Amino acid sequence: MENGYKLDETDIRILKELQKNSQLTIKELAAKVHLSPSPTFERQKRLEREGYITKYMAVVDAKKAGNGILVLCNIRLKQHSEEMIQQFIDAVQEIDEITECFNTSGDYDFLIKVYAQDMHAYQQFMQHKLGAMSCLGSLHSVFVMSETKNTRGVPIVVEK
């Protein structure tokens, strides 16, 4: 554990409930974790201070927001120099279509998650945004046909 705070079962229940619905009122959250509102509020604030809760955000429906396709794109850089890696990382931060980026091991250096309106929009993205990156060596696109699970939550592991 990075910090000195150790989660107990109530903290874990609070985190799990907030991952399901971060818009719960303190009263609703307290009822779900079988605690009164005041200690629930204090625990939630402590979880925020300790860094267990990093942000609250709305989950937007990708299709309703105009994104018809989701692509997972494996990226191989031309070189593994610190400069090339940083150039890629900096460029990714500025591209709205890229919603997630992971530095990976194996045959590729990065995996990016890309949303686009349609195949033509993805082609334009490839040519004008990814294609403009001089640090790119090669890439491999995988088109998501359907999403079968996306909890957007993380498992909560307690140290013994």
C-alpha atoms as a PDB file:
ATOM      1  CA  MET A   1       0.000   0.000   0.000  1.00  0.00           C
ATOM      2  CA  GLU A   2       1.477   3.361  -1.028  1.00  0.00           C
ATOM      3  CA  ASN A   3      -0.021   5.334   1.829  1.00  0.00           C
ATOM      4  CA  GLY A   4      -0.597   4.586   5.486  1.00  0.00           C
ATOM      5  CA  TYR A   5      -4.372   4.292   5.232  1.00  0.00           C
ATOM      6  CA  LYS A   6      -5.687   0.731   5.203  1.00  0.00           C
ATOM      7  CA  LEU A   7      -9.117  -0.006   3.741  1.00  0.00           C
ATOM      8  CA  ASP A   8     -11.663  -1.830   5.853  1.00  0.00           C
ATOM      9  CA  GLU A   9     -14.798  -3.650   4.671  1.00  0.00           C
ATOM     10  CA  THR A  10     -16.946  -0.502   4.942  1.00  0.00           C
ATOM     11  CA  ASP A  11     -14.485   1.507   2.826  1.00  0.00           C
ATOM     12  CA  ILE A  12     -14.555  -1.260   0.237  1.00  0.00           C
ATOM     13  CA  ARG A  13     -18.375  -1.231   0.163  1.00  0.00           C
ATOM     14  CA  ILE A  14     -18.326   2.567  -0.255  1.00  0.00           C
ATOM     15  CA  LEU A  15     -15.862   2.335  -3.153  1.00  0.00           C
ATOM     16  CA  LYS A  16     -17.861  -0.420  -4.853  1.00  0.00           C
ATOM     17  CA  GLU A  17     -21.123   1.516  -4.557  1.00  0.00           C
ATOM     18  CA  LEU A  18     -19.555   4.736  -5.851  1.00  0.00           C
ATOM     19  CA  GLN A  19     -18.048   2.867  -8.811  1.00  0.00           C
ATOM     20  CA  LYS A  20     -21.564   1.700  -9.691  1.00  0.00           C
ATOM     21  CA  ASN A  21     -23.099   5.162  -9.241  1.00  0.00           C
ATOM     22  CA  SER A  22     -21.074   8.186  -8.172  1.00  0.00           C
ATOM     23  CA  GLN A  23     -24.218  10.334  -8.053  1.00  0.00           C
ATOM     24  CA  LEU A  24     -25.569   8.668  -4.928  1.00  0.00           C
ATOM     25  CA  THR A  25     -26.417  11.151  -2.213  1.00  0.00           C
ATOM     26  CA  ILE A  26     -24.692  10.639   1.124  1.00  0.00           C
ATOM     27  CA  LYS A  27     -28.007   9.427   2.534  1.00  0.00           C
ATOM     28  CA  GLU A  28     -28.425   6.848  -0.266  1.00  0.00           C
ATOM     29  CA  LEU A  29     -24.806   5.726   0.022  1.00  0.00           C
ATOM     30  CA  ALA A  30     -25.104   5.416   3.805  1.00  0.00           C
ATOM     31  CA  ALA A  31     -28.164   3.173   3.443  1.00  0.00           C
ATOM     32  CA  LYS A  32     -26.352   0.925   0.960  1.00  0.00           C
ATOM     33  CA  VAL A  33     -23.301   0.477   3.232  1.00  0.00           C
ATOM     34  CA  HIS A  34     -25.363   0.240   6.447  1.00  0.00           C
ATOM     35  CA  LEU A  35     -23.904   3.324   8.118  1.00  0.00           C
ATOM     36  CA  SER A  36     -25.344   6.668   9.165  1.00  0.00           C
ATOM     37  CA  PRO A  37     -24.780   9.648   6.821  1.00  0.00           C
ATOM     38  CA  SER A  38     -22.181  11.518   8.903  1.00  0.00           C
ATOM     39  CA  PRO A  39     -19.572   8.725   9.139  1.00  0.00           C
ATOM     40  CA  THR A  40     -20.289   7.800   5.503  1.00  0.00           C
ATOM     41  CA  PHE A  41     -19.527  11.387   4.467  1.00  0.00           C
ATOM     42  CA  GLU A  42     -16.300  11.392   6.532  1.00  0.00           C
ATOM     43  CA  ARG A  43     -15.176   8.082   5.044  1.00  0.00           C
ATOM     44  CA  GLN A  44     -15.890   9.256   1.493  1.00  0.00           C
ATOM     45  CA  LYS A  45     -13.883  12.451   2.089  1.00  0.00           C
ATOM     46  CA  ARG A  46     -11.005  10.412   3.568  1.00  0.00           C
ATOM     47  CA  LEU A  47     -11.043   8.098   0.530  1.00  0.00           C
ATOM     48  CA  GLU A  48     -10.756  11.216  -1.660  1.00  0.00           C
ATOM     49  CA  ARG A  49      -7.928  12.712   0.443  1.00  0.00           C
ATOM     50  CA  GLU A  50      -6.020   9.412   0.454  1.00  0.00           C
ATOM     51  CA  GLY A  51      -6.282   9.177  -3.345  1.00  0.00           C
ATOM     52  CA  TYR A  52      -8.532   6.111  -3.592  1.00  0.00           C
ATOM     53  CA  ILE A  53     -11.153   8.262  -5.322  1.00  0.00           C
ATOM     54  CA  THR A  54      -9.440  10.380  -7.956  1.00  0.00           C
ATOM     55  CA  LYS A  55     -12.402  11.938  -9.793  1.00  0.00           C
ATOM     56  CA  TYR A  56     -16.130  11.821 -10.416  1.00  0.00           C
ATOM     57  CA  MET A  57     -17.325  11.943 -14.008  1.00  0.00           C
ATOM     58  CA  ALA A  58     -20.283  11.247 -16.262  1.00  0.00           C
ATOM     59  CA  VAL A  59     -20.165   8.202 -18.518  1.00  0.00           C
ATOM     60  CA  VAL A  60     -21.371   9.343 -21.948  1.00  0.00           C
ATOM     61  CA  ASP A  61     -23.002   6.958 -24.427  1.00  0.00           C
ATOM     62  CA  ALA A  62     -20.474   6.817 -27.291  1.00  0.00           C
ATOM     63  CA  LYS A  63     -23.045   6.113 -30.007  1.00  0.00           C
ATOM     64  CA  LYS A  64     -25.363   8.931 -28.907  1.00  0.00           C
ATOM     65  CA  ALA A  65     -22.330  11.236 -28.870  1.00  0.00           C
ATOM     66  CA  GLY A  66     -21.773  10.428 -32.563  1.00  0.00           C
ATOM     67  CA  ASN A  67     -19.117   7.720 -32.305  1.00  0.00           C
ATOM     68  CA  GLY A  68     -20.145   4.792 -34.476  1.00  0.00           C
ATOM     69  CA  ILE A  69     -16.946   2.780 -34.198  1.00  0.00           C
ATOM     70  CA  LEU A  70     -14.417   1.893 -31.529  1.00  0.00           C
ATOM     71  CA  VAL A  71     -10.925   0.838 -32.554  1.00  0.00           C
ATOM     72  CA  LEU A  72      -8.117  -0.645 -30.479  1.00  0.00           C
ATOM     73  CA  CYS A  73      -4.899   0.286 -32.189  1.00  0.00           C
ATOM     74  CA  ASN A  74      -1.516  -1.264 -31.423  1.00  0.00           C
ATOM     75  CA  ILE A  75       1.361   1.143 -32.061  1.00  0.00           C
ATOM     76  CA  ARG A  76       5.014   0.344 -32.687  1.00  0.00           C
ATOM     77  CA  LEU A  77       7.404   3.291 -32.533  1.00  0.00           C
ATOM     78  CA  LYS A  78      10.299   3.716 -34.971  1.00  0.00           C
ATOM     79  CA  GLN A  79      12.770   3.783 -32.096  1.00  0.00           C
ATOM     80  CA  HIS A  80      12.641   3.274 -28.357  1.00  0.00           C
ATOM     81  CA  SER A  81      14.492   6.451 -27.561  1.00  0.00           C
ATOM     82  CA  GLU A  82      13.267   8.599 -24.702  1.00  0.00           C
ATOM     83  CA  GLU A  83      12.683  11.402 -27.204  1.00  0.00           C
ATOM     84  CA  MET A  84      10.467   9.285 -29.511  1.00  0.00           C
ATOM     85  CA  ILE A  85       8.474   7.888 -26.598  1.00  0.00           C
ATOM     86  CA  GLN A  86       7.878  11.345 -25.155  1.00  0.00           C
ATOM     87  CA  GLN A  87       6.960  12.721 -28.588  1.00  0.00           C
ATOM     88  CA  PHE A  88       4.277  10.046 -28.918  1.00  0.00           C
ATOM     89  CA  ILE A  89       2.956  10.535 -25.372  1.00  0.00           C
ATOM     90  CA  ASP A  90       2.748  14.303 -25.871  1.00  0.00           C
ATOM     91  CA  ALA A  91       0.950  13.939 -29.219  1.00  0.00           C
ATOM     92  CA  VAL A  92      -1.614  11.501 -27.795  1.00  0.00           C
ATOM     93  CA  GLN A  93      -2.610  14.012 -25.100  1.00  0.00           C
ATOM     94  CA  GLU A  94      -3.773  16.447 -27.798  1.00  0.00           C
ATOM     95  CA  ILE A  95      -5.931  14.045 -29.835  1.00  0.00           C
ATOM     96  CA  ASP A  96      -9.578  13.898 -28.730  1.00  0.00           C
ATOM     97  CA  GLU A  97     -10.358  10.674 -30.602  1.00  0.00           C
ATOM     98  CA  ILE A  98      -7.828   8.828 -28.424  1.00  0.00           C
ATOM     99  CA  THR A  99      -9.522   8.240 -25.077  1.00  0.00           C
ATOM    100  CA  GLU A 100      -7.042   5.812 -23.525  1.00  0.00           C
ATOM    101  CA  CYS A 101      -3.388   5.013 -24.101  1.00  0.00           C
ATOM    102  CA  PHE A 102      -1.325   2.237 -22.528  1.00  0.00           C
ATOM    103  CA  ASN A 103       2.423   1.600 -22.738  1.00  0.00           C
ATOM    104  CA  THR A 104       2.594  -2.166 -23.309  1.00  0.00           C
ATOM    105  CA  SER A 105       5.074  -5.015 -23.486  1.00  0.00           C
ATOM    106  CA  GLY A 106       5.335  -7.460 -26.371  1.00  0.00           C
ATOM    107  CA  ASP A 107       5.338  -6.795 -30.106  1.00  0.00           C
ATOM    108  CA  TYR A 108       3.889  -3.291 -29.782  1.00  0.00           C
ATOM    109  CA  ASP A 109       4.836  -0.318 -27.649  1.00  0.00           C
ATOM    110  CA  PHE A 110       1.426   1.255 -27.058  1.00  0.00           C
ATOM    111  CA  LEU A 111      -2.245   0.366 -27.233  1.00  0.00           C
ATOM    112  CA  ILE A 112      -4.665   3.215 -27.882  1.00  0.00           C
ATOM    113  CA  LYS A 113      -8.450   3.285 -27.731  1.00  0.00           C
ATOM    114  CA  VAL A 114      -9.919   5.385 -30.530  1.00  0.00           C
ATOM    115  CA  TYR A 115     -13.496   6.510 -31.139  1.00  0.00           C
ATOM    116  CA  ALA A 116     -14.613   7.674 -34.589  1.00  0.00           C
ATOM    117  CA  GLN A 117     -17.889   8.560 -36.246  1.00  0.00           C
ATOM    118  CA  ASP A 118     -17.479   5.978 -39.008  1.00  0.00           C
ATOM    119  CA  MET A 119     -14.879   4.202 -41.132  1.00  0.00           C
ATOM    120  CA  HIS A 120     -14.230   7.313 -43.227  1.00  0.00           C
ATOM    121  CA  ALA A 121     -13.614   9.384 -40.085  1.00  0.00           C
ATOM    122  CA  TYR A 122     -11.205   6.712 -38.810  1.00  0.00           C
ATOM    123  CA  GLN A 123      -9.373   6.742 -42.146  1.00  0.00           C
ATOM    124  CA  GLN A 124      -9.028  10.543 -41.887  1.00  0.00           C
ATOM    125  CA  PHE A 125      -7.797  10.159 -38.314  1.00  0.00           C
ATOM    126  CA  MET A 126      -5.213   7.601 -39.467  1.00  0.00           C
ATOM    127  CA  GLN A 127      -3.973   9.743 -42.343  1.00  0.00           C
ATOM    128  CA  HIS A 128      -3.987  13.173 -40.758  1.00  0.00           C
ATOM    129  CA  LYS A 129      -3.398  12.599 -37.057  1.00  0.00           C
ATOM    130  CA  LEU A 130      -1.525   9.328 -36.595  1.00  0.00           C
ATOM    131  CA  GLY A 131       0.077   9.654 -40.023  1.00  0.00           C
ATOM    132  CA  ALA A 132       1.473  13.051 -39.048  1.00  0.00           C
ATOM    133  CA  MET A 133       3.491  11.512 -36.201  1.00  0.00           C
ATOM    134  CA  SER A 134       7.090  11.049 -37.285  1.00  0.00           C
ATOM    135  CA  CYS A 135       7.749   8.718 -34.349  1.00  0.00           C
ATOM    136  CA  LEU A 136       5.357   5.995 -35.605  1.00  0.00           C
ATOM    137  CA  GLY A 137       6.870   2.836 -37.025  1.00  0.00           C
ATOM    138  CA  SER A 138       3.791   0.684 -37.607  1.00  0.00           C
ATOM    139  CA  LEU A 139       0.331   0.059 -36.271  1.00  0.00           C
ATOM    140  CA  HIS A 140      -2.336  -2.591 -36.211  1.00  0.00           C
ATOM    141  CA  SER A 141      -6.026  -1.659 -35.901  1.00  0.00           C
ATOM    142  CA  VAL A 142      -8.619  -3.957 -34.340  1.00  0.00           C
ATOM    143  CA  PHE A 143     -12.246  -2.917 -34.860  1.00  0.00           C
ATOM    144  CA  VAL A 144     -14.557  -3.648 -31.936  1.00  0.00           C
ATOM    145  CA  MET A 145     -17.686  -5.415 -33.168  1.00  0.00           C
ATOM    146  CA  SER A 146     -19.535  -5.297 -29.845  1.00  0.00           C
ATOM    147  CA  GLU A 147     -18.786  -4.497 -26.243  1.00  0.00           C
ATOM    148  CA  THR A 148     -19.721  -7.356 -23.943  1.00  0.00           C
ATOM    149  CA  LYS A 149     -18.425  -5.887 -20.667  1.00  0.00           C
ATOM    150  CA  ASN A 150     -17.334  -2.446 -19.578  1.00  0.00           C
ATOM    151  CA  THR A 151     -17.802  -1.782 -15.883  1.00  0.00           C
ATOM    152  CA  ARG A 152     -15.412   1.184 -15.889  1.00  0.00           C
ATOM    153  CA  GLY A 153     -14.648   0.128 -12.329  1.00  0.00           C
ATOM    154  CA  VAL A 154     -11.571  -1.522 -10.897  1.00  0.00           C
ATOM    155  CA  PRO A 155     -11.324  -4.532  -8.583  1.00  0.00           C
ATOM    156  CA  ILE A 156     -10.565  -3.509  -5.019  1.00  0.00           C
ATOM    157  CA  VAL A 157      -7.834  -5.703  -3.558  1.00  0.00           C
ATOM    158  CA  VAL A 158      -7.198  -5.569   0.164  1.00  0.00           C
ATOM    159  CA  GLU A 159      -3.758  -6.332   1.533  1.00  0.00           C
ATOM    160  CA  LYS A 160      -3.784  -8.940   4.262  1.00  0.00           C
END
